[in-house]
Protein backbone atom coordinates (compact mmCIF):
# COMPACT_ATOMS: atom_id res chain seq x y z
CA MET A 1 -204.02 -234.14 -43.49
CA LYS A 2 -204.10 -230.81 -41.63
CA LYS A 3 -206.31 -229.40 -44.37
CA THR A 4 -208.73 -232.32 -43.98
CA PHE A 5 -208.97 -231.78 -40.24
CA ARG A 6 -209.49 -228.08 -40.83
CA VAL A 7 -212.42 -228.78 -43.20
CA ILE A 8 -213.94 -231.22 -40.72
CA GLY A 9 -213.56 -228.61 -37.99
CA TYR A 10 -215.30 -225.97 -40.12
CA LEU A 11 -218.16 -228.37 -40.86
CA LEU A 12 -218.58 -229.24 -37.19
CA ALA A 13 -218.55 -225.57 -36.27
CA LEU A 14 -221.14 -224.84 -38.96
CA LEU A 15 -223.31 -227.69 -37.69
CA LEU A 16 -223.03 -226.40 -34.12
CA ILE A 17 -223.96 -222.87 -35.19
CA THR A 18 -226.92 -224.23 -37.17
CA VAL A 19 -228.20 -226.17 -34.16
CA ILE A 20 -227.80 -223.16 -31.88
CA CYS A 21 -229.70 -220.97 -34.35
CA LEU A 22 -232.53 -223.48 -34.64
CA TYR A 23 -232.98 -223.51 -30.87
CA THR A 24 -232.57 -219.74 -30.61
CA PHE A 25 -235.32 -219.08 -33.15
CA ASN A 26 -237.65 -221.80 -31.85
CA LEU A 27 -237.04 -224.02 -34.89
CA GLU A 28 -235.68 -227.04 -33.05
CA TYR A 29 -238.58 -229.12 -34.41
CA ILE A 30 -236.68 -229.17 -37.74
CA LEU A 31 -234.05 -231.34 -36.09
CA LYS A 32 -236.75 -233.81 -35.11
CA GLY A 33 -238.05 -233.76 -38.67
CA VAL A 34 -234.60 -234.60 -40.00
CA LYS A 35 -234.26 -237.44 -37.50
CA VAL A 36 -237.74 -238.89 -38.14
CA ILE A 37 -237.72 -238.53 -41.93
CA TYR A 38 -234.25 -238.46 -43.42
CA PHE A 39 -232.43 -240.56 -40.83
CA THR A 40 -234.94 -243.36 -41.51
CA GLY A 41 -234.35 -243.27 -45.25
CA HIS A 42 -237.51 -241.33 -46.22
CA THR A 43 -238.07 -237.99 -47.90
CA THR A 44 -241.48 -237.20 -46.38
CA ALA A 45 -243.88 -238.45 -43.71
CA TYR A 46 -244.62 -242.14 -44.14
CA ILE A 47 -247.39 -244.56 -43.29
CA ASP A 48 -245.74 -246.39 -40.39
CA ASP A 49 -243.94 -243.47 -38.73
CA TYR A 50 -245.99 -243.61 -35.52
CA PRO A 51 -243.22 -245.30 -33.44
CA GLN A 52 -241.14 -242.15 -33.95
CA PHE A 53 -243.64 -240.09 -31.91
CA ASP A 54 -245.36 -240.13 -28.55
CA ASN A 55 -248.80 -241.73 -28.87
CA ARG A 56 -251.91 -242.23 -26.77
CA LYS A 57 -253.85 -245.47 -27.02
CA ILE A 58 -257.41 -245.54 -28.36
CA GLU A 59 -258.75 -248.55 -26.56
CA ALA A 60 -260.99 -251.08 -28.27
CA GLY A 61 -263.64 -252.81 -26.20
CA LYS A 62 -264.13 -256.46 -25.44
CA ASN A 63 -267.22 -256.69 -27.65
CA VAL A 64 -265.50 -257.04 -31.02
CA GLN A 65 -267.93 -256.91 -33.94
CA THR A 66 -266.33 -258.66 -36.88
CA TRP A 67 -267.13 -257.68 -40.43
CA ALA A 68 -269.47 -259.95 -42.34
CA ILE A 69 -267.70 -261.72 -45.19
CA SER A 70 -269.48 -261.87 -48.54
CA LYS A 71 -270.24 -265.26 -50.08
CA GLU A 72 -268.32 -263.93 -53.10
CA TYR A 73 -265.30 -262.88 -51.01
CA ASN A 74 -262.26 -262.48 -53.26
CA SER A 75 -264.03 -264.37 -56.04
CA LYS A 76 -262.92 -261.73 -58.54
CA ASN A 77 -259.35 -260.77 -59.29
CA SER A 78 -258.19 -257.19 -59.38
CA THR A 79 -258.38 -255.55 -62.78
CA GLU A 80 -255.00 -255.13 -64.43
CA LYS A 81 -255.26 -251.35 -64.17
CA LEU A 82 -255.96 -251.52 -60.45
CA LYS A 83 -253.23 -254.08 -59.92
CA ASP A 84 -250.64 -251.90 -61.70
CA LEU A 85 -251.77 -248.77 -59.89
CA ASN A 86 -251.56 -250.44 -56.50
CA ILE A 87 -248.04 -251.64 -57.23
CA ASP A 88 -246.93 -248.25 -58.57
CA LEU A 89 -248.34 -246.31 -55.61
CA GLY A 90 -247.38 -248.78 -52.89
CA THR A 91 -250.89 -249.75 -51.82
CA VAL A 92 -250.73 -251.87 -48.67
CA ALA A 93 -254.47 -252.44 -48.16
CA PHE A 94 -257.40 -252.37 -50.57
CA LEU A 95 -260.95 -253.31 -49.58
CA ILE A 96 -264.30 -253.30 -51.34
CA ILE A 97 -267.24 -253.59 -48.97
CA LYS A 98 -270.65 -254.27 -50.50
CA ASN A 99 -273.89 -254.38 -48.50
CA ASP A 100 -271.87 -254.18 -45.27
CA SER A 101 -269.89 -257.33 -46.16
CA ILE A 102 -266.26 -257.50 -47.22
CA TRP A 103 -266.39 -258.46 -50.90
CA TYR A 104 -262.72 -258.00 -51.83
CA GLU A 105 -259.62 -257.65 -49.67
CA LYS A 106 -255.96 -257.46 -50.63
CA TYR A 107 -252.84 -256.64 -48.61
CA ALA A 108 -249.25 -256.19 -49.78
CA ASN A 109 -245.70 -255.47 -48.68
CA GLY A 110 -245.99 -257.45 -45.45
CA TYR A 111 -249.14 -255.71 -44.20
CA ASP A 112 -252.29 -257.55 -43.11
CA GLU A 113 -255.71 -256.84 -41.63
CA ASN A 114 -254.20 -255.97 -38.24
CA SER A 115 -251.36 -253.74 -39.44
CA LEU A 116 -251.39 -250.16 -38.19
CA THR A 117 -250.79 -247.37 -40.67
CA ASN A 118 -251.08 -243.61 -40.43
CA SER A 119 -254.49 -242.15 -41.24
CA PHE A 120 -253.00 -238.73 -41.96
CA SER A 121 -255.89 -236.32 -42.60
CA MET A 122 -258.59 -238.99 -42.48
CA ALA A 123 -258.39 -238.10 -38.78
CA LYS A 124 -260.12 -234.81 -39.58
CA SER A 125 -263.34 -236.73 -40.36
CA ILE A 126 -263.00 -238.55 -37.04
CA THR A 127 -262.39 -235.34 -35.08
CA VAL A 128 -265.50 -233.82 -36.65
CA SER A 129 -267.37 -236.97 -35.61
CA LEU A 130 -266.28 -236.26 -32.04
CA LEU A 131 -267.65 -232.73 -32.46
CA GLY A 132 -271.00 -234.20 -33.46
CA LYS A 133 -270.95 -236.57 -30.51
CA ALA A 134 -270.15 -233.78 -28.05
CA ILE A 135 -273.06 -231.75 -29.45
CA ASN A 136 -275.37 -234.77 -29.09
CA GLU A 137 -274.33 -235.16 -25.47
CA GLY A 138 -274.86 -231.48 -24.68
CA LYS A 139 -271.19 -230.86 -23.99
CA LEU A 140 -271.16 -228.38 -26.84
CA LYS A 141 -274.08 -226.13 -27.77
CA GLY A 142 -273.93 -226.61 -31.51
CA LEU A 143 -272.10 -225.63 -34.67
CA GLU A 144 -272.92 -221.96 -34.11
CA GLN A 145 -271.21 -221.84 -30.71
CA PRO A 146 -268.41 -219.26 -30.74
CA VAL A 147 -264.84 -220.47 -30.36
CA SER A 148 -264.28 -217.58 -27.95
CA ASP A 149 -266.47 -219.39 -25.40
CA PHE A 150 -263.45 -221.64 -24.90
CA PHE A 151 -260.52 -219.50 -26.01
CA PRO A 152 -261.10 -215.75 -25.71
CA GLU A 153 -258.03 -215.19 -27.90
CA PHE A 154 -260.34 -215.73 -30.89
CA LYS A 155 -262.61 -212.74 -30.67
CA ASP A 156 -264.95 -211.50 -33.36
CA TYR A 157 -263.56 -210.32 -36.68
CA ASN A 158 -265.42 -207.29 -38.03
CA GLY A 159 -268.29 -208.29 -35.74
CA ASN A 160 -268.39 -211.85 -37.07
CA ALA A 161 -267.84 -214.66 -34.58
CA LEU A 162 -265.64 -217.63 -35.41
CA THR A 163 -267.77 -220.72 -34.69
CA LEU A 164 -267.21 -224.43 -34.22
CA GLY A 165 -268.93 -225.01 -37.55
CA ASP A 166 -266.47 -222.67 -39.26
CA LEU A 167 -263.59 -224.80 -37.98
CA ALA A 168 -265.25 -228.05 -39.05
CA SER A 169 -266.13 -226.76 -42.53
CA MET A 170 -262.72 -225.20 -43.18
CA SER A 171 -263.93 -221.61 -43.29
CA SER A 172 -262.23 -220.07 -40.26
CA GLY A 173 -260.33 -217.15 -41.77
CA LEU A 174 -257.30 -217.98 -39.61
CA ASN A 175 -253.74 -217.19 -40.72
CA TRP A 176 -252.52 -220.78 -40.93
CA ASP A 177 -249.93 -221.66 -43.58
CA GLU A 178 -251.03 -224.98 -45.14
CA ASN A 179 -247.75 -225.82 -46.81
CA TYR A 180 -246.56 -229.42 -46.63
CA TYR A 181 -243.11 -228.91 -48.13
CA ASN A 182 -241.88 -225.74 -46.40
CA PRO A 183 -240.04 -226.74 -43.20
CA PHE A 184 -240.88 -223.34 -41.68
CA SER A 185 -244.65 -223.64 -42.26
CA GLN A 186 -247.14 -224.16 -39.45
CA THR A 187 -248.08 -227.54 -40.93
CA ALA A 188 -244.48 -228.72 -40.53
CA ARG A 189 -244.45 -227.33 -36.99
CA ALA A 190 -247.66 -229.19 -36.20
CA TYR A 191 -246.14 -232.49 -37.26
CA PHE A 192 -242.85 -232.19 -35.38
CA LYS A 193 -243.13 -229.47 -32.70
CA GLU A 194 -243.42 -230.69 -29.12
CA ASP A 195 -245.99 -228.15 -27.86
CA MET A 196 -248.61 -226.99 -30.34
CA ARG A 197 -251.05 -225.54 -27.80
CA GLU A 198 -249.20 -222.25 -27.57
CA GLU A 199 -248.71 -222.18 -31.34
CA ILE A 200 -252.45 -222.62 -32.01
CA LEU A 201 -253.41 -219.86 -29.58
CA LYS A 202 -251.14 -217.45 -31.46
CA LEU A 203 -253.25 -217.75 -34.62
CA LYS A 204 -255.12 -214.64 -35.73
CA LEU A 205 -258.34 -214.07 -37.63
CA VAL A 206 -257.38 -212.32 -40.85
CA GLU A 207 -260.57 -212.90 -42.88
CA ASN A 208 -264.25 -213.02 -42.09
CA PRO A 209 -265.08 -216.49 -40.76
CA GLY A 210 -267.86 -218.57 -42.28
CA ASN A 211 -267.62 -216.99 -45.73
CA SER A 212 -265.67 -219.42 -47.87
CA PHE A 213 -263.78 -222.72 -47.90
CA LYS A 214 -260.03 -222.77 -47.26
CA TYR A 215 -258.46 -226.03 -46.16
CA LEU A 216 -256.36 -225.45 -43.02
CA SER A 217 -255.15 -228.17 -40.68
CA GLY A 218 -254.94 -225.60 -37.89
CA ASN A 219 -258.74 -225.48 -37.87
CA THR A 220 -258.95 -229.10 -36.78
CA LEU A 221 -256.16 -228.73 -34.22
CA LEU A 222 -258.08 -225.88 -32.58
CA LEU A 223 -261.31 -227.88 -32.81
CA GLY A 224 -259.58 -230.78 -31.03
CA MET A 225 -258.48 -228.46 -28.21
CA ILE A 226 -262.08 -227.28 -27.83
CA ILE A 227 -263.48 -230.82 -27.71
CA GLU A 228 -260.84 -231.73 -25.13
CA LYS A 229 -261.83 -228.73 -23.00
CA ALA A 230 -265.58 -229.27 -23.35
CA THR A 231 -265.53 -232.98 -22.53
CA GLY A 232 -262.74 -232.94 -19.94
CA MET A 233 -261.22 -235.93 -21.75
CA HIS A 234 -258.27 -236.52 -24.00
CA LEU A 235 -259.43 -236.99 -27.60
CA SER A 236 -258.18 -240.59 -27.61
CA GLU A 237 -260.22 -241.43 -24.54
CA TYR A 238 -263.30 -239.67 -25.89
CA LEU A 239 -262.91 -241.45 -29.24
CA SER A 240 -262.61 -244.79 -27.48
CA GLU A 241 -265.79 -244.25 -25.45
CA SER A 242 -267.79 -242.60 -28.25
CA PHE A 243 -266.97 -244.82 -31.23
CA TRP A 244 -264.07 -247.26 -30.94
CA LYS A 245 -265.83 -249.42 -28.34
CA PRO A 246 -269.48 -248.96 -29.45
CA ILE A 247 -268.78 -249.95 -33.07
CA GLY A 248 -266.74 -252.96 -32.00
CA MET A 249 -263.31 -252.09 -33.31
CA LYS A 250 -261.10 -255.15 -33.33
CA ASN A 251 -257.82 -253.45 -32.46
CA ASP A 252 -256.55 -250.72 -30.21
CA ALA A 253 -255.32 -247.76 -32.19
CA LEU A 254 -252.81 -245.00 -31.50
CA TRP A 255 -253.18 -241.24 -31.84
CA GLN A 256 -249.97 -239.25 -32.22
CA LEU A 257 -249.31 -236.52 -29.66
CA ASP A 258 -247.27 -233.37 -30.02
CA SER A 259 -245.37 -234.68 -26.98
CA GLU A 260 -246.01 -236.67 -23.84
CA GLU A 261 -245.59 -233.51 -21.76
CA SER A 262 -248.10 -231.40 -23.69
CA GLY A 263 -250.33 -234.40 -24.40
CA LEU A 264 -252.21 -232.85 -27.31
CA GLU A 265 -253.48 -235.24 -29.96
CA LYS A 266 -252.74 -234.14 -33.51
CA ALA A 267 -256.44 -233.78 -34.23
CA TYR A 268 -255.82 -232.99 -37.89
CA CYS A 269 -254.03 -236.27 -38.56
CA CYS A 270 -252.15 -239.30 -37.41
CA ILE A 271 -254.38 -242.07 -36.08
CA ALA A 272 -252.61 -245.40 -36.54
CA SER A 273 -255.18 -248.10 -37.27
CA ASN A 274 -256.04 -250.65 -39.95
CA ALA A 275 -258.22 -250.80 -43.06
CA ARG A 276 -261.07 -252.82 -41.55
CA ASP A 277 -261.40 -250.51 -38.56
CA PHE A 278 -261.15 -247.30 -40.58
CA ALA A 279 -263.91 -248.69 -42.81
CA ARG A 280 -266.32 -248.71 -39.88
CA PHE A 281 -266.53 -244.92 -39.98
CA GLY A 282 -267.64 -245.19 -43.60
CA LYS A 283 -270.32 -247.66 -42.55
CA LEU A 284 -271.43 -245.45 -39.64
CA TYR A 285 -271.93 -242.45 -41.92
CA LYS A 286 -273.46 -244.54 -44.73
CA ASN A 287 -276.02 -245.77 -42.20
CA LYS A 288 -276.77 -242.20 -41.09
CA GLY A 289 -275.16 -242.47 -37.70
CA GLN A 290 -276.75 -245.77 -36.72
CA TRP A 291 -274.84 -248.82 -35.56
CA ASN A 292 -276.76 -252.02 -34.89
CA GLY A 293 -279.90 -250.04 -34.19
CA GLU A 294 -278.23 -247.54 -31.86
CA GLN A 295 -278.04 -243.91 -32.97
CA LEU A 296 -274.42 -243.04 -32.20
CA LEU A 297 -274.52 -239.81 -34.21
CA ASP A 298 -277.52 -237.63 -34.94
CA SER A 299 -278.68 -238.30 -38.50
CA ASN A 300 -279.04 -234.57 -39.15
CA PHE A 301 -275.40 -234.06 -38.23
CA VAL A 302 -274.37 -236.89 -40.58
CA ALA A 303 -276.38 -235.34 -43.41
CA LEU A 304 -274.82 -231.93 -42.76
CA ALA A 305 -271.28 -233.34 -42.61
CA THR A 306 -271.65 -235.12 -45.95
CA HIS A 307 -273.10 -232.20 -47.91
CA ALA A 308 -271.35 -229.05 -49.08
CA ARG A 309 -271.66 -225.97 -46.91
CA PHE A 310 -270.70 -223.58 -49.70
CA LYS A 311 -272.09 -223.71 -53.21
CA GLU A 312 -268.79 -222.39 -54.55
CA SER A 313 -266.92 -225.29 -52.89
CA PRO A 314 -268.96 -228.44 -53.56
CA GLN A 315 -265.94 -230.64 -52.75
CA TYR A 316 -266.17 -230.31 -48.95
CA GLY A 317 -268.75 -230.55 -46.21
CA TYR A 318 -267.88 -230.75 -42.52
CA GLY A 319 -264.80 -232.98 -42.21
CA PHE A 320 -265.63 -235.01 -45.35
CA TRP A 321 -264.66 -234.63 -49.00
CA LEU A 322 -267.48 -234.80 -51.54
CA SER A 323 -267.94 -235.72 -55.19
CA ASP A 324 -270.79 -236.44 -57.60
CA TYR A 325 -268.71 -238.77 -59.73
CA ASN A 326 -270.65 -240.56 -62.45
CA GLY A 327 -273.83 -238.96 -61.18
CA LYS A 328 -273.58 -240.65 -57.78
CA ASP A 329 -273.20 -238.81 -54.49
CA VAL A 330 -269.88 -239.81 -52.96
CA PHE A 331 -268.34 -238.76 -49.66
CA TYR A 332 -264.99 -239.81 -48.35
CA MET A 333 -262.21 -239.53 -45.80
CA ARG A 334 -258.83 -238.64 -47.23
CA GLY A 335 -255.17 -238.59 -46.20
CA ILE A 336 -252.20 -236.95 -47.87
CA LEU A 337 -250.61 -240.16 -49.20
CA GLY A 338 -253.79 -241.53 -50.74
CA GLN A 339 -255.54 -242.84 -47.64
CA TYR A 340 -259.21 -243.22 -48.54
CA VAL A 341 -262.47 -244.42 -47.06
CA ILE A 342 -264.83 -243.85 -50.00
CA VAL A 343 -268.57 -244.22 -49.46
CA ILE A 344 -271.17 -244.50 -52.24
CA PRO A 345 -274.51 -244.84 -50.39
CA GLU A 346 -276.64 -245.29 -53.53
CA ASP A 347 -274.95 -248.63 -54.27
CA ASP A 348 -274.09 -249.54 -50.66
CA ILE A 349 -270.36 -249.60 -51.44
CA ILE A 350 -267.36 -248.66 -49.31
CA ILE A 351 -263.85 -248.65 -50.79
CA VAL A 352 -260.82 -248.45 -48.52
CA ARG A 353 -257.32 -247.82 -49.77
CA LEU A 354 -254.21 -247.35 -47.62
CA GLY A 355 -250.74 -246.89 -49.05
CA GLU A 356 -247.55 -244.97 -49.57
CA ASP A 357 -248.39 -242.54 -52.35
CA LEU A 358 -251.03 -241.10 -54.67
CA ILE A 359 -251.24 -239.36 -58.04
CA ARG A 360 -250.74 -235.70 -57.24
CA ARG A 361 -253.56 -233.29 -57.93
CA LYS A 362 -253.10 -230.36 -60.23
CA GLU A 363 -253.74 -226.95 -58.77
CA ASP A 364 -257.24 -226.72 -60.21
CA GLU A 365 -258.28 -230.27 -59.20
CA ASN A 366 -260.33 -230.95 -56.09
CA HIS A 367 -259.69 -234.70 -56.07
CA ALA A 368 -256.61 -236.78 -56.86
CA PRO A 369 -256.82 -238.78 -60.11
CA ASP A 370 -256.29 -242.10 -58.32
CA PHE A 371 -259.48 -241.50 -56.29
CA PHE A 372 -261.51 -241.84 -59.50
CA ILE A 373 -259.51 -244.83 -60.70
CA TYR A 374 -260.17 -246.74 -57.48
CA ILE A 375 -263.91 -246.19 -57.94
CA ASP A 376 -263.90 -247.10 -61.65
CA GLU A 377 -261.93 -250.31 -61.17
CA ALA A 378 -263.94 -251.39 -58.14
CA TYR A 379 -267.14 -251.01 -60.17
CA LYS A 380 -265.65 -253.07 -62.98
CA MET A 381 -264.83 -255.83 -60.53
CA LEU A 382 -268.34 -255.69 -59.11
CA ASP A 383 -269.84 -255.66 -62.63
CA HIS A 384 -271.75 -252.52 -61.68
CA ASP A 385 -272.72 -249.62 -63.93
């Protein structure tokens, strides 16, 4: 019995030392990660984790604009391949929107059209949309405006200025560690740390900005801080006024904060909303920034965002992923667990998928394999070529 108590005492002492070390070396966010992830029975971030964090409301307006429902709504069953894939990957929402009308809609695992789930990195497309809006309104000068206009910490590198466009197109040259599985990486810090403002301002330019594509979530966090500073509004408030209300979102949404005290939205991720409302951003961009005849985003900005900046990296524009699958131009919003708003303008199709997992990409792949399967099976259901 004494030996048992001695072992327990050693373990408690080890735990205490570990906690002290984490706080001493500014790694206390790891404790929050353990609480949010492992203590809830998960092994990674999950689609309905938003109650574990501080959030700020993105208010919807009173003028709700409901989606048109196709005359053929749910007249076709899912293909067997799509059905099996959705079960295997834990899909909770799958929509096919044709000619701006919902043609197919399926929910699972207790979710419905009003259920909130985490956007993850689809929020990057929305943050870039806020950049475009702020430029339209004259609150920002344009994509070529230097970041140092707002944060002098980011001075020129070898005479080259880091610009807003470099942040939006993932070509900053900043020393951000985009590692999702290392608990000591900056991406892990961004998800769990309670004050990311100071962390972002410690970033350094280590490569020439504007030269090549390198996907870094820190770019979008910094961009969010700039938009906040330029507009004098929290991102959630600016999003509500710029898009959520004008395009008639049905539901309020939530944007995760680093903490209530710091109040910084995680601009690179973490908007909790539903499939129908996320789909509206696909429609807005498909219609070149117009919504019911009102130009909410400049059409030139929309065209720029949905075309590659770098010839060597045709998979990314400004905040949107790109593909020419089956000879059709495709742009889409994407989250780490297979969150997609896929837009195929040529055929007036929008595909939305929300769920718990995806088929992992290989190192040399720009797009996850399930992305292509969702398109293929949707076209089979639509009887399209």
